[in-house]
Amino acid sequence: MTQLSTTEADTHRAHPDHRSEQRPHGTADGARPLSRALRWLGLSAAAVVFLYPFVWLLSASVKPSQDVFDNVLVPHVWQWQNYSAIWAAVPLLTWVGNSVAVTLAAAVSVTVSSALVAFGFAYFRFPGRNALFAVVIGTMMLPAAVTMVPQYLVWNWLHLASSQVPLWAPNLFGSAFYIFLLRQFFLGLPRELFEAARVDGASYWALFWRIAVPLCRPALVVTFIFEVQASWTDLVRPLIYLRNPELYTVPRGLKAVLDQFGAGGELRWEIVCAASVVVTVPMIIAFLVCQRHFTEGVATTGNKG
């Protein structure tokens, strides 16, 4: 027994524990908690910076008129009737419904059309493909003001200039940015999958719908979310096309609320803040619901790019 113990001791001295070799004396173990604390501190500071405007808006929306700009986050007097006042003053629910309809139509149409065009550029080989794709990307360089008047003339000729159709129908022709984004995803898919499906008799539509779309779902979700945010907050086109208050979207309605209760109006800024909270909450809820898909799509975009 004594000889065995001596042998084990010699073996331990000859082959020390690898864990002791991996943890040399130094500051590595001590620096890790410090680094983690600094990271959390930085994230917390960034969260405060980004959340403060919305918290201020929430606070201002329940204050009396004279206390709106006092920069105190906890109101001295809570005036919840500001929300009932805005609901009674304007058809806010109608505007929210209009925005939901227009936003869904715009997001679905641009996602489908851009995916179809992007798949065509990624899969098919034809003369002039790169030049045509360069032209599509080049349209991103055009300012929106350049095409604003021609588009209005077209919709006016179609007798649709006073409707909600111009707010979403242009998305039926795709978006250069989304086409570029989705094309990069489609190019990352193994071409052997499509060739094997073609040998099995699959049509081009089957290649797109049964293979490309399921494999690129994160990119499609990102495209959809981006367009939802862009359409929900769009003010320029509703200002140009919408005349009837019953057709107003949320941004156009907020402009009407600002004209009525803000500068040049009744100077009831608490009503403006309450309306802003009502129309901001749906986007926050949508982001929270789609957060997992959004982060997955952004992360996959970085890998595919």
C-alpha atoms as a PDB file:
ATOM      1  CA  MET A   1       0.000   0.000   0.000  1.00  0.00           C
ATOM      2  CA  THR A   2       2.848   2.378   0.871  1.00  0.00           C
ATOM      3  CA  GLN A   3       4.594   1.616  -2.405  1.00  0.00           C
ATOM      4  CA  LEU A   4       1.328   2.216  -4.366  1.00  0.00           C
ATOM      5  CA  SER A   5       0.732   5.526  -2.641  1.00  0.00           C
ATOM      6  CA  THR A   6       4.306   6.591  -3.403  1.00  0.00           C
ATOM      7  CA  THR A   7       3.820   5.668  -7.065  1.00  0.00           C
ATOM      8  CA  GLU A   8       0.579   7.704  -7.271  1.00  0.00           C
ATOM      9  CA  ALA A   9       2.319  10.671  -5.697  1.00  0.00           C
ATOM     10  CA  ASP A  10       5.166  10.438  -8.186  1.00  0.00           C
ATOM     11  CA  THR A  11       2.663  10.201 -11.049  1.00  0.00           C
ATOM     12  CA  HIS A  12       0.805  13.262  -9.765  1.00  0.00           C
ATOM     13  CA  ARG A  13       4.055  15.211  -9.554  1.00  0.00           C
ATOM     14  CA  ALA A  14       5.052  14.095 -13.057  1.00  0.00           C
ATOM     15  CA  HIS A  15       1.641  14.874 -14.550  1.00  0.00           C
ATOM     16  CA  PRO A  16       0.066  17.763 -12.641  1.00  0.00           C
ATOM     17  CA  ASP A  17      -3.607  18.527 -12.988  1.00  0.00           C
ATOM     18  CA  HIS A  18      -4.307  20.132 -16.361  1.00  0.00           C
ATOM     19  CA  ARG A  19      -6.707  22.544 -14.735  1.00  0.00           C
ATOM     20  CA  SER A  20      -3.869  24.126 -12.815  1.00  0.00           C
ATOM     21  CA  GLU A  21      -1.976  24.550 -16.103  1.00  0.00           C
ATOM     22  CA  GLN A  22      -4.969  26.240 -17.751  1.00  0.00           C
ATOM     23  CA  ARG A  23      -5.332  28.744 -14.903  1.00  0.00           C
ATOM     24  CA  PRO A  24      -1.966  30.430 -14.470  1.00  0.00           C
ATOM     25  CA  HIS A  25      -1.456  32.949 -11.743  1.00  0.00           C
ATOM     26  CA  GLY A  26      -2.677  36.330 -12.941  1.00  0.00           C
ATOM     27  CA  THR A  27      -5.699  38.514 -13.297  1.00  0.00           C
ATOM     28  CA  ALA A  28      -7.725  36.442 -15.813  1.00  0.00           C
ATOM     29  CA  ASP A  29     -10.218  35.142 -13.246  1.00  0.00           C
ATOM     30  CA  GLY A  30     -10.516  38.516 -11.600  1.00  0.00           C
ATOM     31  CA  ALA A  31     -10.876  40.399 -14.888  1.00  0.00           C
ATOM     32  CA  ARG A  32     -13.800  38.277 -16.104  1.00  0.00           C
ATOM     33  CA  PRO A  33     -16.326  39.536 -13.480  1.00  0.00           C
ATOM     34  CA  LEU A  34     -15.054  43.085 -13.995  1.00  0.00           C
ATOM     35  CA  SER A  35     -15.521  42.791 -17.756  1.00  0.00           C
ATOM     36  CA  ARG A  36     -18.999  41.380 -17.268  1.00  0.00           C
ATOM     37  CA  ALA A  37     -19.895  44.199 -14.869  1.00  0.00           C
ATOM     38  CA  LEU A  38     -18.648  46.840 -17.311  1.00  0.00           C
ATOM     39  CA  ARG A  39     -20.632  45.229 -20.113  1.00  0.00           C
ATOM     40  CA  TRP A  40     -23.820  45.244 -18.086  1.00  0.00           C
ATOM     41  CA  LEU A  41     -23.163  48.819 -17.022  1.00  0.00           C
ATOM     42  CA  GLY A  42     -22.776  49.902 -20.622  1.00  0.00           C
ATOM     43  CA  LEU A  43     -25.912  48.067 -21.714  1.00  0.00           C
ATOM     44  CA  SER A  44     -27.872  49.545 -18.826  1.00  0.00           C
ATOM     45  CA  ALA A  45     -26.730  53.048 -19.725  1.00  0.00           C
ATOM     46  CA  ALA A  46     -27.692  52.524 -23.365  1.00  0.00           C
ATOM     47  CA  ALA A  47     -31.094  51.167 -22.299  1.00  0.00           C
ATOM     48  CA  VAL A  48     -31.719  54.251 -20.178  1.00  0.00           C
ATOM     49  CA  VAL A  49     -30.784  56.546 -23.067  1.00  0.00           C
ATOM     50  CA  PHE A  50     -33.140  54.783 -25.466  1.00  0.00           C
ATOM     51  CA  LEU A  51     -36.006  54.328 -23.007  1.00  0.00           C
ATOM     52  CA  TYR A  52     -35.987  57.804 -21.521  1.00  0.00           C
ATOM     53  CA  PRO A  53     -37.871  59.535 -24.411  1.00  0.00           C
ATOM     54  CA  PHE A  54     -40.701  57.005 -24.252  1.00  0.00           C
ATOM     55  CA  VAL A  55     -40.869  57.166 -20.456  1.00  0.00           C
ATOM     56  CA  TRP A  56     -41.012  60.958 -20.711  1.00  0.00           C
ATOM     57  CA  LEU A  57     -43.810  60.659 -23.267  1.00  0.00           C
ATOM     58  CA  LEU A  58     -45.773  58.346 -20.970  1.00  0.00           C
ATOM     59  CA  SER A  59     -45.353  60.771 -18.106  1.00  0.00           C
ATOM     60  CA  ALA A  60     -46.342  63.808 -20.174  1.00  0.00           C
ATOM     61  CA  SER A  61     -49.443  62.063 -21.462  1.00  0.00           C
ATOM     62  CA  VAL A  62     -50.983  61.926 -17.960  1.00  0.00           C
ATOM     63  CA  LYS A  63     -50.028  65.417 -16.787  1.00  0.00           C
ATOM     64  CA  PRO A  64     -52.074  68.618 -16.719  1.00  0.00           C
ATOM     65  CA  SER A  65     -51.371  71.055 -19.506  1.00  0.00           C
ATOM     66  CA  GLN A  66     -49.182  73.351 -17.407  1.00  0.00           C
ATOM     67  CA  ASP A  67     -46.911  70.495 -16.242  1.00  0.00           C
ATOM     68  CA  VAL A  68     -46.199  68.781 -19.564  1.00  0.00           C
ATOM     69  CA  PHE A  69     -42.710  70.250 -20.042  1.00  0.00           C
ATOM     70  CA  ASP A  70     -41.536  70.299 -16.422  1.00  0.00           C
ATOM     71  CA  ASN A  71     -39.266  67.278 -17.117  1.00  0.00           C
ATOM     72  CA  VAL A  72     -40.501  65.443 -14.008  1.00  0.00           C
ATOM     73  CA  LEU A  73     -41.027  61.758 -14.728  1.00  0.00           C
ATOM     74  CA  VAL A  74     -43.444  61.185 -11.839  1.00  0.00           C
ATOM     75  CA  PRO A  75     -46.379  63.578 -12.274  1.00  0.00           C
ATOM     76  CA  HIS A  76     -47.568  65.576  -9.292  1.00  0.00           C
ATOM     77  CA  VAL A  77     -51.128  65.252 -10.614  1.00  0.00           C
ATOM     78  CA  TRP A  78     -52.230  62.228 -12.631  1.00  0.00           C
ATOM     79  CA  GLN A  79     -54.690  63.251 -15.341  1.00  0.00           C
ATOM     80  CA  TRP A  80     -55.840  60.001 -16.946  1.00  0.00           C
ATOM     81  CA  GLN A  81     -58.721  61.729 -18.714  1.00  0.00           C
ATOM     82  CA  ASN A  82     -56.256  62.881 -21.362  1.00  0.00           C
ATOM     83  CA  TYR A  83     -56.714  59.494 -23.034  1.00  0.00           C
ATOM     84  CA  SER A  84     -60.495  59.680 -22.998  1.00  0.00           C
ATOM     85  CA  ALA A  85     -60.240  63.220 -24.350  1.00  0.00           C
ATOM     86  CA  ILE A  86     -58.220  62.166 -27.389  1.00  0.00           C
ATOM     87  CA  TRP A  87     -60.590  59.276 -28.111  1.00  0.00           C
ATOM     88  CA  ALA A  88     -63.519  61.700 -27.976  1.00  0.00           C
ATOM     89  CA  ALA A  89     -61.831  64.417 -30.038  1.00  0.00           C
ATOM     90  CA  VAL A  90     -60.660  62.403 -33.068  1.00  0.00           C
ATOM     91  CA  PRO A  91     -61.494  59.013 -34.678  1.00  0.00           C
ATOM     92  CA  LEU A  92     -58.280  57.476 -33.397  1.00  0.00           C
ATOM     93  CA  LEU A  93     -59.552  53.895 -33.593  1.00  0.00           C
ATOM     94  CA  THR A  94     -60.425  54.404 -37.255  1.00  0.00           C
ATOM     95  CA  TRP A  95     -56.950  55.722 -37.962  1.00  0.00           C
ATOM     96  CA  VAL A  96     -55.346  52.778 -36.219  1.00  0.00           C
ATOM     97  CA  GLY A  97     -57.489  50.372 -38.251  1.00  0.00           C
ATOM     98  CA  ASN A  98     -56.515  52.145 -41.473  1.00  0.00           C
ATOM     99  CA  SER A  99     -52.843  51.916 -40.561  1.00  0.00           C
ATOM    100  CA  VAL A 100     -53.126  48.218 -39.749  1.00  0.00           C
ATOM    101  CA  ALA A 101     -54.762  47.492 -43.108  1.00  0.00           C
ATOM    102  CA  VAL A 102     -52.307  49.593 -45.104  1.00  0.00           C
ATOM    103  CA  THR A 103     -49.298  48.272 -43.198  1.00  0.00           C
ATOM    104  CA  LEU A 104     -50.226  44.617 -43.659  1.00  0.00           C
ATOM    105  CA  ALA A 105     -50.964  45.140 -47.360  1.00  0.00           C
ATOM    106  CA  ALA A 106     -47.659  46.955 -47.875  1.00  0.00           C
ATOM    107  CA  ALA A 107     -45.585  44.442 -45.892  1.00  0.00           C
ATOM    108  CA  VAL A 108     -47.093  41.332 -47.487  1.00  0.00           C
ATOM    109  CA  SER A 109     -46.923  42.712 -51.029  1.00  0.00           C
ATOM    110  CA  VAL A 110     -43.316  43.915 -50.813  1.00  0.00           C
ATOM    111  CA  THR A 111     -42.145  40.699 -49.128  1.00  0.00           C
ATOM    112  CA  VAL A 112     -43.692  38.448 -51.767  1.00  0.00           C
ATOM    113  CA  SER A 113     -42.729  40.566 -54.784  1.00  0.00           C
ATOM    114  CA  SER A 114     -39.173  41.199 -53.598  1.00  0.00           C
ATOM    115  CA  ALA A 115     -38.670  37.509 -52.811  1.00  0.00           C
ATOM    116  CA  LEU A 116     -39.818  36.507 -56.303  1.00  0.00           C
ATOM    117  CA  VAL A 117     -37.503  38.976 -58.006  1.00  0.00           C
ATOM    118  CA  ALA A 118     -34.592  38.092 -55.724  1.00  0.00           C
ATOM    119  CA  PHE A 119     -35.039  34.368 -56.418  1.00  0.00           C
ATOM    120  CA  GLY A 120     -35.014  35.063 -60.141  1.00  0.00           C
ATOM    121  CA  PHE A 121     -31.723  36.941 -59.883  1.00  0.00           C
ATOM    122  CA  ALA A 122     -30.201  34.261 -57.653  1.00  0.00           C
ATOM    123  CA  TYR A 123     -31.270  31.099 -59.471  1.00  0.00           C
ATOM    124  CA  PHE A 124     -31.553  31.854 -63.166  1.00  0.00           C
ATOM    125  CA  ARG A 125     -28.544  32.432 -65.419  1.00  0.00           C
ATOM    126  CA  PHE A 126     -29.334  34.713 -68.349  1.00  0.00           C
ATOM    127  CA  PRO A 127     -27.431  37.296 -70.401  1.00  0.00           C
ATOM    128  CA  GLY A 128     -27.326  40.712 -68.817  1.00  0.00           C
ATOM    129  CA  ARG A 129     -28.327  39.447 -65.382  1.00  0.00           C
ATOM    130  CA  ASN A 130     -25.638  41.362 -63.534  1.00  0.00           C
ATOM    131  CA  ALA A 131     -26.276  44.542 -65.518  1.00  0.00           C
ATOM    132  CA  LEU A 132     -30.009  44.337 -64.820  1.00  0.00           C
ATOM    133  CA  PHE A 133     -29.375  43.722 -61.147  1.00  0.00           C
ATOM    134  CA  ALA A 134     -27.066  46.747 -61.092  1.00  0.00           C
ATOM    135  CA  VAL A 135     -29.887  48.844 -62.538  1.00  0.00           C
ATOM    136  CA  VAL A 136     -32.232  47.606 -59.796  1.00  0.00           C
ATOM    137  CA  ILE A 137     -29.687  48.474 -57.109  1.00  0.00           C
ATOM    138  CA  GLY A 138     -29.068  51.816 -58.791  1.00  0.00           C
ATOM    139  CA  THR A 139     -32.670  52.829 -58.165  1.00  0.00           C
ATOM    140  CA  MET A 140     -31.758  53.044 -54.472  1.00  0.00           C
ATOM    141  CA  MET A 141     -29.724  56.130 -55.343  1.00  0.00           C
ATOM    142  CA  LEU A 142     -32.810  58.015 -56.514  1.00  0.00           C
ATOM    143  CA  PRO A 143     -34.286  60.314 -53.847  1.00  0.00           C
ATOM    144  CA  ALA A 144     -37.970  59.763 -53.167  1.00  0.00           C
ATOM    145  CA  ALA A 145     -38.693  63.346 -54.216  1.00  0.00           C
ATOM    146  CA  VAL A 146     -37.609  62.537 -57.783  1.00  0.00           C
ATOM    147  CA  THR A 147     -40.408  60.024 -58.334  1.00  0.00           C
ATOM    148  CA  MET A 148     -43.009  61.696 -56.131  1.00  0.00           C
ATOM    149  CA  VAL A 149     -44.625  63.844 -58.832  1.00  0.00           C
ATOM    150  CA  PRO A 150     -44.637  61.173 -61.595  1.00  0.00           C
ATOM    151  CA  GLN A 151     -46.201  58.677 -59.200  1.00  0.00           C
ATOM    152  CA  TYR A 152     -48.896  61.146 -58.243  1.00  0.00           C
ATOM    153  CA  LEU A 153     -49.677  61.822 -61.901  1.00  0.00           C
ATOM    154  CA  VAL A 154     -50.028  58.079 -62.539  1.00  0.00           C
ATOM    155  CA  TRP A 155     -52.371  57.550 -59.586  1.00  0.00           C
ATOM    156  CA  ASN A 156     -54.350  60.650 -60.513  1.00  0.00           C
ATOM    157  CA  TRP A 157     -54.755  59.315 -64.057  1.00  0.00           C
ATOM    158  CA  LEU A 158     -56.068  56.075 -62.530  1.00  0.00           C
ATOM    159  CA  HIS A 159     -58.494  58.098 -60.341  1.00  0.00           C
ATOM    160  CA  LEU A 160     -56.905  56.652 -57.194  1.00  0.00           C
ATOM    161  CA  ALA A 161     -55.041  59.726 -55.968  1.00  0.00           C
ATOM    162  CA  SER A 162     -57.467  60.259 -53.077  1.00  0.00           C
ATOM    163  CA  SER A 163     -57.509  56.673 -51.837  1.00  0.00           C
ATOM    164  CA  GLN A 164     -55.296  54.461 -49.725  1.00  0.00           C
ATOM    165  CA  VAL A 165     -54.150  52.407 -52.724  1.00  0.00           C
ATOM    166  CA  PRO A 166     -51.046  54.547 -53.457  1.00  0.00           C
ATOM    167  CA  LEU A 167     -49.837  53.885 -49.922  1.00  0.00           C
ATOM    168  CA  TRP A 168     -49.236  50.169 -50.540  1.00  0.00           C
ATOM    169  CA  ALA A 169     -49.716  49.299 -54.214  1.00  0.00           C
ATOM    170  CA  PRO A 170     -46.203  50.419 -55.310  1.00  0.00           C
ATOM    171  CA  ASN A 171     -44.845  47.611 -53.137  1.00  0.00           C
ATOM    172  CA  LEU A 172     -46.287  45.110 -55.600  1.00  0.00           C
ATOM    173  CA  PHE A 173     -43.236  45.864 -57.757  1.00  0.00           C
ATOM    174  CA  GLY A 174     -40.725  45.079 -55.030  1.00  0.00           C
ATOM    175  CA  SER A 175     -38.072  47.126 -53.285  1.00  0.00           C
ATOM    176  CA  ALA A 176     -34.443  47.355 -54.395  1.00  0.00           C
ATOM    177  CA  PHE A 177     -33.115  47.060 -50.842  1.00  0.00           C
ATOM    178  CA  TYR A 178     -35.216  43.991 -50.020  1.00  0.00           C
ATOM    179  CA  ILE A 179     -34.349  42.402 -53.373  1.00  0.00           C
ATOM    180  CA  PHE A 180     -30.671  42.813 -52.586  1.00  0.00           C
ATOM    181  CA  LEU A 181     -31.117  41.433 -49.068  1.00  0.00           C
ATOM    182  CA  LEU A 182     -33.094  38.367 -50.130  1.00  0.00           C
ATOM    183  CA  ARG A 183     -30.882  37.664 -53.138  1.00  0.00           C
ATOM    184  CA  GLN A 184     -27.908  37.269 -50.816  1.00  0.00           C
ATOM    185  CA  PHE A 185     -29.832  34.636 -48.869  1.00  0.00           C
ATOM    186  CA  PHE A 186     -30.893  32.758 -51.962  1.00  0.00           C
ATOM    187  CA  LEU A 187     -27.309  32.751 -53.280  1.00  0.00           C
ATOM    188  CA  GLY A 188     -26.212  31.082 -50.039  1.00  0.00           C
ATOM    189  CA  LEU A 189     -28.458  28.059 -50.623  1.00  0.00           C
ATOM    190  CA  PRO A 190     -26.830  24.948 -52.150  1.00  0.00           C
ATOM    191  CA  ARG A 191     -27.685  24.836 -55.832  1.00  0.00           C
ATOM    192  CA  GLU A 192     -27.646  21.034 -55.691  1.00  0.00           C
ATOM    193  CA  LEU A 193     -30.969  21.155 -53.824  1.00  0.00           C
ATOM    194  CA  PHE A 194     -32.650  22.901 -56.717  1.00  0.00           C
ATOM    195  CA  GLU A 195     -31.000  20.722 -59.344  1.00  0.00           C
ATOM    196  CA  ALA A 196     -32.120  17.559 -57.540  1.00  0.00           C
ATOM    197  CA  ALA A 197     -35.655  18.913 -57.322  1.00  0.00           C
ATOM    198  CA  ARG A 198     -35.628  19.724 -61.034  1.00  0.00           C
ATOM    199  CA  VAL A 199     -34.566  16.162 -61.798  1.00  0.00           C
ATOM    200  CA  ASP A 200     -37.530  14.972 -59.746  1.00  0.00           C
ATOM    201  CA  GLY A 201     -39.828  17.086 -61.906  1.00  0.00           C
ATOM    202  CA  ALA A 202     -40.353  20.108 -59.649  1.00  0.00           C
ATOM    203  CA  SER A 203     -41.485  23.310 -61.328  1.00  0.00           C
ATOM    204  CA  TYR A 204     -39.782  26.655 -60.843  1.00  0.00           C
ATOM    205  CA  TRP A 205     -42.604  27.724 -58.557  1.00  0.00           C
ATOM    206  CA  ALA A 206     -42.052  24.591 -56.466  1.00  0.00           C
ATOM    207  CA  LEU A 207     -38.348  25.434 -56.220  1.00  0.00           C
ATOM    208  CA  PHE A 208     -39.234  28.850 -54.887  1.00  0.00           C
ATOM    209  CA  TRP A 209     -42.138  27.944 -52.605  1.00  0.00           C
ATOM    210  CA  ARG A 210     -41.041  24.543 -51.262  1.00  0.00           C
ATOM    211  CA  ILE A 211     -37.272  24.973 -51.028  1.00  0.00           C
ATOM    212  CA  ALA A 212     -36.184  28.615 -51.129  1.00  0.00           C
ATOM    213  CA  VAL A 213     -38.905  30.135 -48.955  1.00  0.00           C
ATOM    214  CA  PRO A 214     -38.630  27.667 -46.013  1.00  0.00           C
ATOM    215  CA  LEU A 215     -34.840  27.904 -45.964  1.00  0.00           C
ATOM    216  CA  CYS A 216     -34.852  31.709 -46.104  1.00  0.00           C
ATOM    217  CA  ARG A 217     -37.704  32.300 -43.669  1.00  0.00           C
ATOM    218  CA  PRO A 218     -35.587  34.450 -41.284  1.00  0.00           C
ATOM    219  CA  ALA A 219     -34.776  36.861 -44.109  1.00  0.00           C
ATOM    220  CA  LEU A 220     -38.428  37.051 -45.110  1.00  0.00           C
ATOM    221  CA  VAL A 221     -39.404  37.807 -41.508  1.00  0.00           C
ATOM    222  CA  VAL A 222     -36.823  40.596 -41.351  1.00  0.00           C
ATOM    223  CA  THR A 223     -38.143  42.046 -44.606  1.00  0.00           C
ATOM    224  CA  PHE A 224     -41.699  41.911 -43.302  1.00  0.00           C
ATOM    225  CA  ILE A 225     -40.802  43.585 -39.995  1.00  0.00           C
ATOM    226  CA  PHE A 226     -38.765  46.309 -41.704  1.00  0.00           C
ATOM    227  CA  GLU A 227     -41.653  47.163 -44.008  1.00  0.00           C
ATOM    228  CA  VAL A 228     -44.176  47.102 -41.160  1.00  0.00           C
ATOM    229  CA  GLN A 229     -42.113  49.706 -39.343  1.00  0.00           C
ATOM    230  CA  ALA A 230     -41.574  51.801 -42.478  1.00  0.00           C
ATOM    231  CA  SER A 231     -45.238  51.745 -43.501  1.00  0.00           C
ATOM    232  CA  TRP A 232     -46.580  52.365 -39.993  1.00  0.00           C
ATOM    233  CA  THR A 233     -44.453  55.503 -39.579  1.00  0.00           C
ATOM    234  CA  ASP A 234     -44.785  56.835 -43.144  1.00  0.00           C
ATOM    235  CA  LEU A 235     -46.135  60.389 -43.197  1.00  0.00           C
ATOM    236  CA  VAL A 236     -45.150  61.754 -46.620  1.00  0.00           C
ATOM    237  CA  ARG A 237     -47.447  59.661 -48.807  1.00  0.00           C
ATOM    238  CA  PRO A 238     -50.514  60.036 -46.545  1.00  0.00           C
ATOM    239  CA  LEU A 239     -49.955  63.799 -46.607  1.00  0.00           C
ATOM    240  CA  ILE A 240     -49.954  63.732 -50.406  1.00  0.00           C
ATOM    241  CA  TYR A 241     -52.839  61.373 -51.112  1.00  0.00           C
ATOM    242  CA  LEU A 242     -55.256  61.386 -48.187  1.00  0.00           C
ATOM    243  CA  ARG A 243     -57.892  64.103 -48.025  1.00  0.00           C
ATOM    244  CA  ASN A 244     -60.725  62.430 -46.142  1.00  0.00           C
ATOM    245  CA  PRO A 245     -60.118  62.200 -42.349  1.00  0.00           C
ATOM    246  CA  GLU A 246     -61.885  58.831 -42.338  1.00  0.00           C
ATOM    247  CA  LEU A 247     -59.046  57.480 -44.512  1.00  0.00           C
ATOM    248  CA  TYR A 248     -56.202  58.886 -42.420  1.00  0.00           C
ATOM    249  CA  THR A 249     -53.482  56.575 -41.221  1.00  0.00           C
ATOM    250  CA  VAL A 250     -51.869  57.010 -37.814  1.00  0.00           C
ATOM    251  CA  PRO A 251     -49.052  59.406 -38.877  1.00  0.00           C
ATOM    252  CA  ARG A 252     -51.467  61.551 -40.887  1.00  0.00           C
ATOM    253  CA  GLY A 253     -53.882  61.545 -37.964  1.00  0.00           C
ATOM    254  CA  LEU A 254     -51.131  62.608 -35.569  1.00  0.00           C
ATOM    255  CA  LYS A 255     -50.364  65.509 -37.890  1.00  0.00           C
ATOM    256  CA  ALA A 256     -54.031  66.525 -37.668  1.00  0.00           C
ATOM    257  CA  VAL A 257     -53.916  66.195 -33.860  1.00  0.00           C
ATOM    258  CA  LEU A 258     -50.783  68.344 -33.766  1.00  0.00           C
ATOM    259  CA  ASP A 259     -52.440  70.999 -35.914  1.00  0.00           C
ATOM    260  CA  GLN A 260     -55.507  71.019 -33.663  1.00  0.00           C
ATOM    261  CA  PHE A 261     -53.965  70.715 -30.193  1.00  0.00           C
ATOM    262  CA  GLY A 262     -50.316  71.683 -30.701  1.00  0.00           C
ATOM    263  CA  ALA A 263     -48.580  74.816 -31.913  1.00  0.00           C
ATOM    264  CA  GLY A 264     -51.042  77.083 -33.646  1.00  0.00           C
ATOM    265  CA  GLY A 265     -53.959  75.244 -32.061  1.00  0.00           C
ATOM    266  CA  GLU A 266     -55.266  74.853 -28.540  1.00  0.00           C
ATOM    267  CA  LEU A 267     -51.783  74.258 -27.057  1.00  0.00           C
ATOM    268  CA  ARG A 268     -52.967  71.126 -25.250  1.00  0.00           C
ATOM    269  CA  TRP A 269     -49.746  69.180 -25.575  1.00  0.00           C
ATOM    270  CA  GLU A 270     -50.891  66.508 -23.133  1.00  0.00           C
ATOM    271  CA  ILE A 271     -53.489  65.453 -25.729  1.00  0.00           C
ATOM    272  CA  VAL A 272     -50.781  65.235 -28.390  1.00  0.00           C
ATOM    273  CA  CYS A 273     -48.639  63.105 -26.062  1.00  0.00           C
ATOM    274  CA  ALA A 274     -51.558  60.800 -25.248  1.00  0.00           C
ATOM    275  CA  ALA A 275     -52.254  60.254 -28.956  1.00  0.00           C
ATOM    276  CA  SER A 276     -48.558  59.559 -29.554  1.00  0.00           C
ATOM    277  CA  VAL A 277     -48.546  56.893 -26.837  1.00  0.00           C
ATOM    278  CA  VAL A 278     -51.620  55.193 -28.297  1.00  0.00           C
ATOM    279  CA  VAL A 279     -50.083  54.904 -31.767  1.00  0.00           C
ATOM    280  CA  THR A 280     -46.618  53.917 -30.484  1.00  0.00           C
ATOM    281  CA  VAL A 281     -47.708  50.999 -28.316  1.00  0.00           C
ATOM    282  CA  PRO A 282     -48.749  48.734 -31.250  1.00  0.00           C
ATOM    283  CA  MET A 283     -45.226  48.918 -32.723  1.00  0.00           C
ATOM    284  CA  ILE A 284     -43.697  48.041 -29.358  1.00  0.00           C
ATOM    285  CA  ILE A 285     -46.009  45.049 -29.033  1.00  0.00           C
ATOM    286  CA  ALA A 286     -45.225  43.946 -32.590  1.00  0.00           C
ATOM    287  CA  PHE A 287     -41.497  44.105 -31.897  1.00  0.00           C
ATOM    288  CA  LEU A 288     -41.808  42.142 -28.659  1.00  0.00           C
ATOM    289  CA  VAL A 289     -43.841  39.450 -30.407  1.00  0.00           C
ATOM    290  CA  CYS A 290     -41.448  39.197 -33.364  1.00  0.00           C
ATOM    291  CA  GLN A 291     -38.230  39.825 -31.442  1.00  0.00           C
ATOM    292  CA  ARG A 292     -36.985  36.249 -31.652  1.00  0.00           C
ATOM    293  CA  HIS A 293     -37.561  36.043 -35.406  1.00  0.00           C
ATOM    294  CA  PHE A 294     -36.073  39.494 -35.906  1.00  0.00           C
ATOM    295  CA  THR A 295     -32.823  38.759 -34.057  1.00  0.00           C
ATOM    296  CA  GLU A 296     -32.548  35.373 -35.753  1.00  0.00           C
ATOM    297  CA  GLY A 297     -32.981  36.982 -39.156  1.00  0.00           C
ATOM    298  CA  VAL A 298     -30.414  39.702 -38.462  1.00  0.00           C
ATOM    299  CA  ALA A 299     -27.899  37.153 -37.180  1.00  0.00           C
ATOM    300  CA  THR A 300     -28.457  34.940 -40.212  1.00  0.00           C
ATOM    301  CA  THR A 301     -28.048  37.950 -42.467  1.00  0.00           C
ATOM    302  CA  GLY A 302     -24.588  38.485 -41.072  1.00  0.00           C
ATOM    303  CA  ASN A 303     -23.664  34.836 -41.651  1.00  0.00           C
ATOM    304  CA  LYS A 304     -25.015  34.723 -45.185  1.00  0.00           C
ATOM    305  CA  GLY A 305     -23.502  38.027 -46.222  1.00  0.00           C
END
